[in-house]
């Protein structure tokens, strides 16, 4: 499932690296696909073997000194680092356990990329929106509640006179489960809303030249590295929903907004979604802490996996970095 070798980490310890570390990297995902293959190749390019592991198959062992996180295929040893490509869903308890494993790995000194806290801050749209607003960034007005009556009152107020709201699942991606709300008729009952929570965000009319458009900017290590515009005949502009991806220059204000958004939620890397209103104002829509980048790489040609792996390796403790890595 991986390629390459743990260069410089196997001398004198039976191939398990310094301090009992396994020289491999664990890529946490249930669906390796294109992104997984790109990461494995990028790690192999710097002499590191990367293997796929489901976070659902990891567990905590608090029965010895020190306690540890059991990772399948690692024989009780900790990996050089873990690259988070997905946190599987499940019951509240199961999801918390998976996040606990990420937090525990960090407590044991393992690099987790993005960190467990970063994943929590970005997978939860409510917390992301709150942190963006606290940082003073332009993000669309948003209301989150678990009351149908409160949601209905907000719809009546916001949609009076032709305004619209976007109803989004609190946890979700790729445009799935997103609805446009123009009146009370469009507001679903709680049993049809994810977890009974209403996340309502003021709709930004992002239409240019007859198409709906938004922007995705990729930030790695605090720096915007590539950007694209997504264009669609539908107001949902995700690539997974059929949007066309077009490269755009990293011209102001795209990099400044994206970098500030990444800082606001404290992530090592992110895909930041920006909206442009009819008056030319840019808004930060979402910050994705486990972003896809196929469309961005196809549009721009930017070697995203290599950039991510280079940044990942730069964050490792010096003794765990690949041989010859220059920081």
Protein backbone atom coordinates (compact mmCIF):
# COMPACT_ATOMS: atom_id res chain seq x y z
CA UNK A 1 0.00 0.00 0.00
CA UNK A 2 3.02 2.27 0.11
CA UNK A 3 6.25 2.93 -1.68
CA UNK A 4 9.75 4.02 -0.85
CA UNK A 5 11.88 3.57 2.25
CA UNK A 6 12.39 5.31 5.55
CA UNK A 7 15.69 6.85 4.55
CA UNK A 8 18.06 7.55 7.40
CA UNK A 9 15.83 6.07 10.13
CA UNK A 10 16.75 2.42 10.27
CA UNK A 11 20.37 2.30 11.37
CA UNK A 12 20.88 0.06 14.36
CA UNK A 13 17.27 -0.31 15.46
CA UNK A 14 15.93 -3.09 13.29
CA UNK A 15 14.18 -0.72 10.91
CA UNK A 16 11.98 0.98 13.47
CA UNK A 17 13.63 4.40 13.58
CA UNK A 18 14.80 6.43 16.58
CA UNK A 19 12.91 6.33 19.86
CA UNK A 20 10.97 3.25 18.77
CA UNK A 21 9.25 5.07 15.92
CA UNK A 22 8.18 3.25 12.79
CA UNK A 23 9.79 5.09 9.85
CA UNK A 24 6.56 5.02 7.84
CA UNK A 25 3.82 7.65 7.62
CA UNK A 26 0.18 6.70 8.15
CA UNK A 27 -2.32 8.31 5.78
CA UNK A 28 -5.66 8.20 7.59
CA UNK A 29 -8.41 7.56 5.06
CA UNK A 30 -11.19 5.14 4.20
CA UNK A 31 -11.06 6.08 0.51
CA UNK A 32 -7.47 6.49 -0.73
CA UNK A 33 -8.40 7.14 -4.36
CA UNK A 34 -6.60 9.73 -6.47
CA UNK A 35 -5.53 11.87 -3.50
CA UNK A 36 -4.09 8.90 -1.63
CA UNK A 37 -2.09 7.79 -4.65
CA UNK A 38 -0.69 11.29 -5.11
CA UNK A 39 0.38 11.48 -1.49
CA UNK A 40 2.01 8.04 -1.53
CA UNK A 41 3.98 9.03 -4.63
CA UNK A 42 4.99 12.37 -3.10
CA UNK A 43 6.21 10.71 0.10
CA UNK A 44 8.08 8.09 -1.94
CA UNK A 45 9.76 10.94 -3.79
CA UNK A 46 11.49 11.96 -0.55
CA UNK A 47 12.28 8.40 0.49
CA UNK A 48 9.38 7.83 2.89
CA UNK A 49 6.91 4.96 2.78
CA UNK A 50 3.29 5.93 3.39
CA UNK A 51 0.53 3.43 4.14
CA UNK A 52 -3.24 3.78 4.32
CA UNK A 53 -5.01 3.29 7.64
CA UNK A 54 -8.64 3.78 8.61
CA UNK A 55 -9.01 5.89 11.71
CA UNK A 56 -12.02 3.70 12.55
CA UNK A 57 -9.60 0.79 13.04
CA UNK A 58 -7.41 2.64 15.54
CA UNK A 59 -7.99 2.48 19.26
CA UNK A 60 -6.60 3.69 22.57
CA UNK A 61 -4.69 1.38 24.92
CA UNK A 62 -4.46 2.82 28.42
CA UNK A 63 -3.07 -0.23 30.14
CA UNK A 64 0.64 0.38 30.45
CA UNK A 65 3.30 3.03 30.69
CA UNK A 66 3.00 4.96 28.55
CA UNK A 67 -0.54 4.62 27.18
CA UNK A 68 -0.64 4.46 23.40
CA UNK A 69 -2.72 4.58 20.24
CA UNK A 70 -2.92 1.24 18.48
CA UNK A 71 -2.62 1.66 14.71
CA UNK A 72 -3.18 -1.41 12.51
CA UNK A 73 -0.05 -2.60 10.76
CA UNK A 74 2.34 -0.74 13.07
CA UNK A 75 2.85 -3.55 15.61
CA UNK A 76 2.31 -1.28 18.58
CA UNK A 77 4.80 1.35 17.42
CA UNK A 78 4.03 4.96 16.57
CA UNK A 79 4.47 6.20 13.00
CA UNK A 80 6.82 8.94 11.88
CA UNK A 81 3.68 11.07 11.46
CA UNK A 82 0.07 10.85 10.33
CA UNK A 83 -1.57 12.67 7.44
CA UNK A 84 -5.32 13.07 7.98
CA UNK A 85 -7.31 12.59 4.78
CA UNK A 86 -10.60 11.71 6.44
CA UNK A 87 -12.38 11.13 9.74
CA UNK A 88 -15.09 8.46 9.30
CA UNK A 89 -18.61 9.27 10.45
CA UNK A 90 -20.63 7.25 12.92
CA UNK A 91 -22.24 7.74 16.29
CA UNK A 92 -21.24 10.73 18.39
CA UNK A 93 -19.22 8.41 20.62
CA UNK A 94 -17.42 6.79 17.66
CA UNK A 95 -16.48 10.14 16.14
CA UNK A 96 -15.24 11.41 19.50
CA UNK A 97 -13.08 8.29 19.89
CA UNK A 98 -11.54 8.90 16.47
CA UNK A 99 -10.75 12.48 17.38
CA UNK A 100 -9.42 11.27 20.73
CA UNK A 101 -6.96 9.09 18.83
CA UNK A 102 -5.70 12.16 16.94
CA UNK A 103 -5.35 14.15 20.16
CA UNK A 104 -3.60 11.24 21.87
CA UNK A 105 -1.12 10.87 19.01
CA UNK A 106 -0.23 14.55 19.33
CA UNK A 107 0.16 14.16 23.10
CA UNK A 108 2.61 11.34 22.40
CA UNK A 109 4.68 13.60 20.16
CA UNK A 110 3.43 12.38 16.76
CA UNK A 111 2.91 14.98 14.03
CA UNK A 112 -0.79 15.00 13.07
CA UNK A 113 -1.48 16.94 9.85
CA UNK A 114 -3.94 18.70 10.08
CA UNK A 115 -4.16 18.46 13.85
CA UNK A 116 -7.17 17.06 15.66
CA UNK A 117 -8.12 20.54 16.90
CA UNK A 118 -7.78 21.95 13.39
CA UNK A 119 -10.06 19.22 12.05
CA UNK A 120 -12.62 20.01 14.77
CA UNK A 121 -12.53 23.73 13.99
CA UNK A 122 -13.03 23.23 10.26
CA UNK A 123 -15.34 20.24 9.99
CA UNK A 124 -17.90 22.12 12.11
CA UNK A 125 -19.25 24.96 9.94
CA UNK A 126 -20.71 26.78 12.94
CA UNK A 127 -17.38 26.99 14.74
CA UNK A 128 -15.57 27.95 11.52
CA UNK A 129 -18.00 30.80 10.85
CA UNK A 130 -17.75 31.99 14.45
CA UNK A 131 -13.93 32.05 14.40
CA UNK A 132 -13.86 33.87 11.06
CA UNK A 133 -16.18 36.54 12.46
CA UNK A 134 -14.17 36.84 15.70
CA UNK A 135 -11.08 37.45 13.55
CA UNK A 136 -12.89 40.32 11.83
CA UNK A 137 -12.97 38.63 8.42
CA UNK A 138 -15.81 39.31 5.99
CA UNK A 139 -17.99 36.20 6.24
CA UNK A 140 -21.69 36.11 5.34
CA UNK A 141 -24.08 36.70 8.28
CA UNK A 142 -24.99 33.29 9.69
CA UNK A 143 -27.44 31.96 12.27
CA UNK A 144 -27.24 28.49 13.83
CA UNK A 145 -29.96 27.09 16.07
CA UNK A 146 -31.74 23.85 16.98
CA UNK A 147 -35.21 25.41 17.07
CA UNK A 148 -37.53 25.29 14.07
CA UNK A 149 -39.39 28.31 15.45
CA UNK A 150 -36.18 30.35 15.67
CA UNK A 151 -35.16 29.26 12.19
CA UNK A 152 -38.59 30.18 10.81
CA UNK A 153 -38.42 33.61 12.44
CA UNK A 154 -35.01 34.22 10.85
CA UNK A 155 -36.27 33.10 7.44
CA UNK A 156 -39.28 35.40 7.70
CA UNK A 157 -37.01 38.32 8.57
CA UNK A 158 -34.22 37.67 6.07
CA UNK A 159 -36.35 36.60 3.12
CA UNK A 160 -38.82 39.44 3.42
CA UNK A 161 -38.45 41.56 0.32
CA UNK A 162 -36.64 38.96 -1.77
CA UNK A 163 -33.65 38.01 0.37
CA UNK A 164 -32.44 34.40 0.45
CA UNK A 165 -30.61 32.09 2.83
CA UNK A 166 -28.54 28.96 2.32
CA UNK A 167 -29.32 26.01 4.59
CA UNK A 168 -26.26 23.81 5.05
CA UNK A 169 -25.61 20.64 7.03
CA UNK A 170 -23.37 21.44 9.98
CA UNK A 171 -21.05 18.61 8.88
CA UNK A 172 -20.78 18.05 5.15
CA UNK A 173 -18.79 18.72 2.01
CA UNK A 174 -18.91 18.90 -1.79
CA UNK A 175 -22.25 20.71 -1.81
CA UNK A 176 -24.25 17.74 -0.55
CA UNK A 177 -27.41 18.52 1.41
CA UNK A 178 -27.27 22.27 0.70
CA UNK A 179 -30.59 24.06 0.09
CA UNK A 180 -31.61 27.53 -1.02
CA UNK A 181 -34.31 29.06 1.20
CA UNK A 182 -36.44 31.85 -0.26
CA UNK A 183 -39.48 31.55 2.00
CA UNK A 184 -40.91 29.55 4.90
CA UNK A 185 -42.11 26.96 2.37
CA UNK A 186 -38.47 26.05 1.70
CA UNK A 187 -37.62 25.47 5.37
CA UNK A 188 -37.64 21.73 6.14
CA UNK A 189 -38.84 20.25 9.46
CA UNK A 190 -36.19 19.25 12.03
CA UNK A 191 -36.34 15.56 11.09
CA UNK A 192 -35.12 16.48 7.58
CA UNK A 193 -32.23 18.61 8.85
CA UNK A 194 -28.91 17.02 9.81
CA UNK A 195 -29.00 16.50 13.57
CA UNK A 196 -31.96 18.85 13.87
CA UNK A 197 -29.58 21.86 13.64
CA UNK A 198 -30.34 24.75 11.28
CA UNK A 199 -27.25 26.45 9.83
CA UNK A 200 -28.61 29.41 7.87
CA UNK A 201 -26.25 31.71 5.98
CA UNK A 202 -27.16 34.80 3.99
CA UNK A 203 -26.99 33.97 0.28
CA UNK A 204 -24.27 35.78 -1.68
CA UNK A 205 -25.33 36.36 -5.28
CA UNK A 206 -22.12 35.24 -6.97
CA UNK A 207 -23.14 35.35 -10.61
CA UNK A 208 -20.77 36.68 -13.28
CA UNK A 209 -21.28 36.61 -17.05
CA UNK A 210 -24.35 34.37 -16.74
CA UNK A 211 -22.67 31.77 -14.53
CA UNK A 212 -22.43 31.23 -10.80
CA UNK A 213 -18.85 31.51 -9.60
CA UNK A 214 -16.78 31.21 -6.46
CA UNK A 215 -13.09 30.82 -5.66
CA UNK A 216 -10.98 28.17 -3.97
CA UNK A 217 -7.58 29.20 -2.65
CA UNK A 218 -5.18 26.61 -1.25
CA UNK A 219 -3.05 27.67 1.70
CA UNK A 220 -0.02 25.63 2.83
CA UNK A 221 2.05 26.66 5.83
CA UNK A 222 0.33 30.04 6.04
CA UNK A 223 0.95 30.94 2.38
CA UNK A 224 -1.53 30.91 -0.49
CA UNK A 225 -0.01 28.72 -3.21
CA UNK A 226 -2.69 28.34 -5.90
CA UNK A 227 -6.20 29.53 -6.73
CA UNK A 228 -9.03 28.62 -9.04
CA UNK A 229 -12.46 29.87 -9.96
CA UNK A 230 -15.35 27.42 -10.09
CA UNK A 231 -18.07 28.20 -12.60
CA UNK A 232 -21.45 26.52 -12.95
CA UNK A 233 -24.93 27.04 -14.37
CA UNK A 234 -26.17 26.06 -10.89
CA UNK A 235 -25.74 28.16 -7.76
CA UNK A 236 -23.93 25.23 -6.08
CA UNK A 237 -20.43 25.56 -7.53
CA UNK A 238 -18.61 22.51 -6.15
CA UNK A 239 -16.56 20.51 -8.64
CA UNK A 240 -18.31 17.37 -7.38
CA UNK A 241 -21.58 18.95 -8.51
CA UNK A 242 -20.32 19.57 -12.04
CA UNK A 243 -18.64 22.98 -11.83
CA UNK A 244 -15.82 23.86 -14.22
CA UNK A 245 -12.49 24.74 -12.59
CA UNK A 246 -10.42 27.58 -14.05
CA UNK A 247 -7.02 28.79 -12.86
CA UNK A 248 -6.85 32.38 -11.65
CA UNK A 249 -3.87 34.49 -10.56
CA UNK A 250 -3.14 34.87 -6.86
CA UNK A 251 -4.09 38.53 -7.06
CA UNK A 252 -5.32 40.66 -4.17
CA UNK A 253 -7.53 40.17 -2.22
CA UNK A 254 -7.60 36.37 -2.75
CA UNK A 255 -4.30 35.42 -1.03
CA UNK A 256 -4.70 37.89 1.83
CA UNK A 257 -8.22 36.71 2.68
CA UNK A 258 -7.35 33.02 2.37
CA UNK A 259 -4.22 33.31 4.51
CA UNK A 260 -6.10 35.29 7.18
CA UNK A 261 -8.88 32.68 7.18
CA UNK A 262 -6.36 29.86 7.67
CA UNK A 263 -4.83 31.76 10.58
CA UNK A 264 -8.24 32.37 12.13
CA UNK A 265 -8.91 28.64 12.44
CA UNK A 266 -5.23 27.77 13.03
CA UNK A 267 -4.65 25.13 10.36
CA UNK A 268 -1.41 23.93 8.77
CA UNK A 269 -3.07 23.80 5.37
CA UNK A 270 -6.54 24.49 4.02
CA UNK A 271 -8.77 24.99 1.03
CA UNK A 272 -10.48 28.35 1.53
CA UNK A 273 -13.71 29.14 -0.33
CA UNK A 274 -14.30 32.78 -1.25
CA UNK A 275 -17.44 34.36 -2.63
CA UNK A 276 -17.73 37.59 -4.64
CA UNK A 277 -20.93 39.57 -4.29
CA UNK A 278 -22.60 41.70 -6.98
CA UNK A 279 -20.89 44.83 -5.62
CA UNK A 280 -17.45 43.23 -5.86
CA UNK A 281 -17.13 42.50 -2.14
CA UNK A 282 -15.31 39.26 -1.30
CA UNK A 283 -16.57 37.02 1.50
CA UNK A 284 -14.94 34.03 3.20
CA UNK A 285 -17.46 31.21 2.90
CA UNK A 286 -15.76 28.14 4.34
CA UNK A 287 -12.36 26.83 5.41
CA UNK A 288 -11.76 23.16 4.63
CA UNK A 289 -9.26 21.42 6.87
CA UNK A 290 -9.34 18.14 4.92
CA UNK A 291 -9.66 19.59 1.42
CA UNK A 292 -9.61 17.86 -1.93
CA UNK A 293 -7.36 19.37 -4.60
CA UNK A 294 -7.91 17.38 -7.80
CA UNK A 295 -9.76 20.20 -9.56
CA UNK A 296 -7.26 22.79 -8.40
CA UNK A 297 -4.26 20.76 -9.56
CA UNK A 298 -5.87 20.00 -12.92
CA UNK A 299 -6.67 23.68 -13.44
CA UNK A 300 -3.41 25.20 -12.25
CA UNK A 301 -0.82 22.44 -12.66
CA UNK A 302 0.43 23.18 -9.15
CA UNK A 303 2.01 20.04 -7.57
CA UNK A 304 -0.17 20.07 -4.48
CA UNK A 305 0.79 16.69 -3.01
CA UNK A 306 4.49 17.52 -3.21
CA UNK A 307 3.90 20.89 -1.53
CA UNK A 308 1.89 19.27 1.27
CA UNK A 309 4.49 16.55 1.83
CA UNK A 310 7.30 19.10 1.89
CA UNK A 311 5.48 21.15 4.53
CA UNK A 312 4.57 18.01 6.49
CA UNK A 313 8.23 16.93 6.58
CA UNK A 314 9.37 20.41 7.62
CA UNK A 315 7.19 20.14 10.76
CA UNK A 316 8.70 16.84 11.88
CA UNK A 317 11.22 16.69 14.69
CA UNK A 318 14.72 16.94 13.17
CA UNK A 319 15.56 13.28 13.85
CA UNK A 320 12.41 12.17 12.00
CA UNK A 321 12.86 14.23 8.86
CA UNK A 322 13.83 12.45 5.63
CA UNK A 323 17.56 12.36 4.97
CA UNK A 324 18.70 15.39 3.00
CA UNK A 325 15.52 17.43 3.62
CA UNK A 326 16.21 21.15 3.38
CA UNK A 327 14.07 23.49 5.46
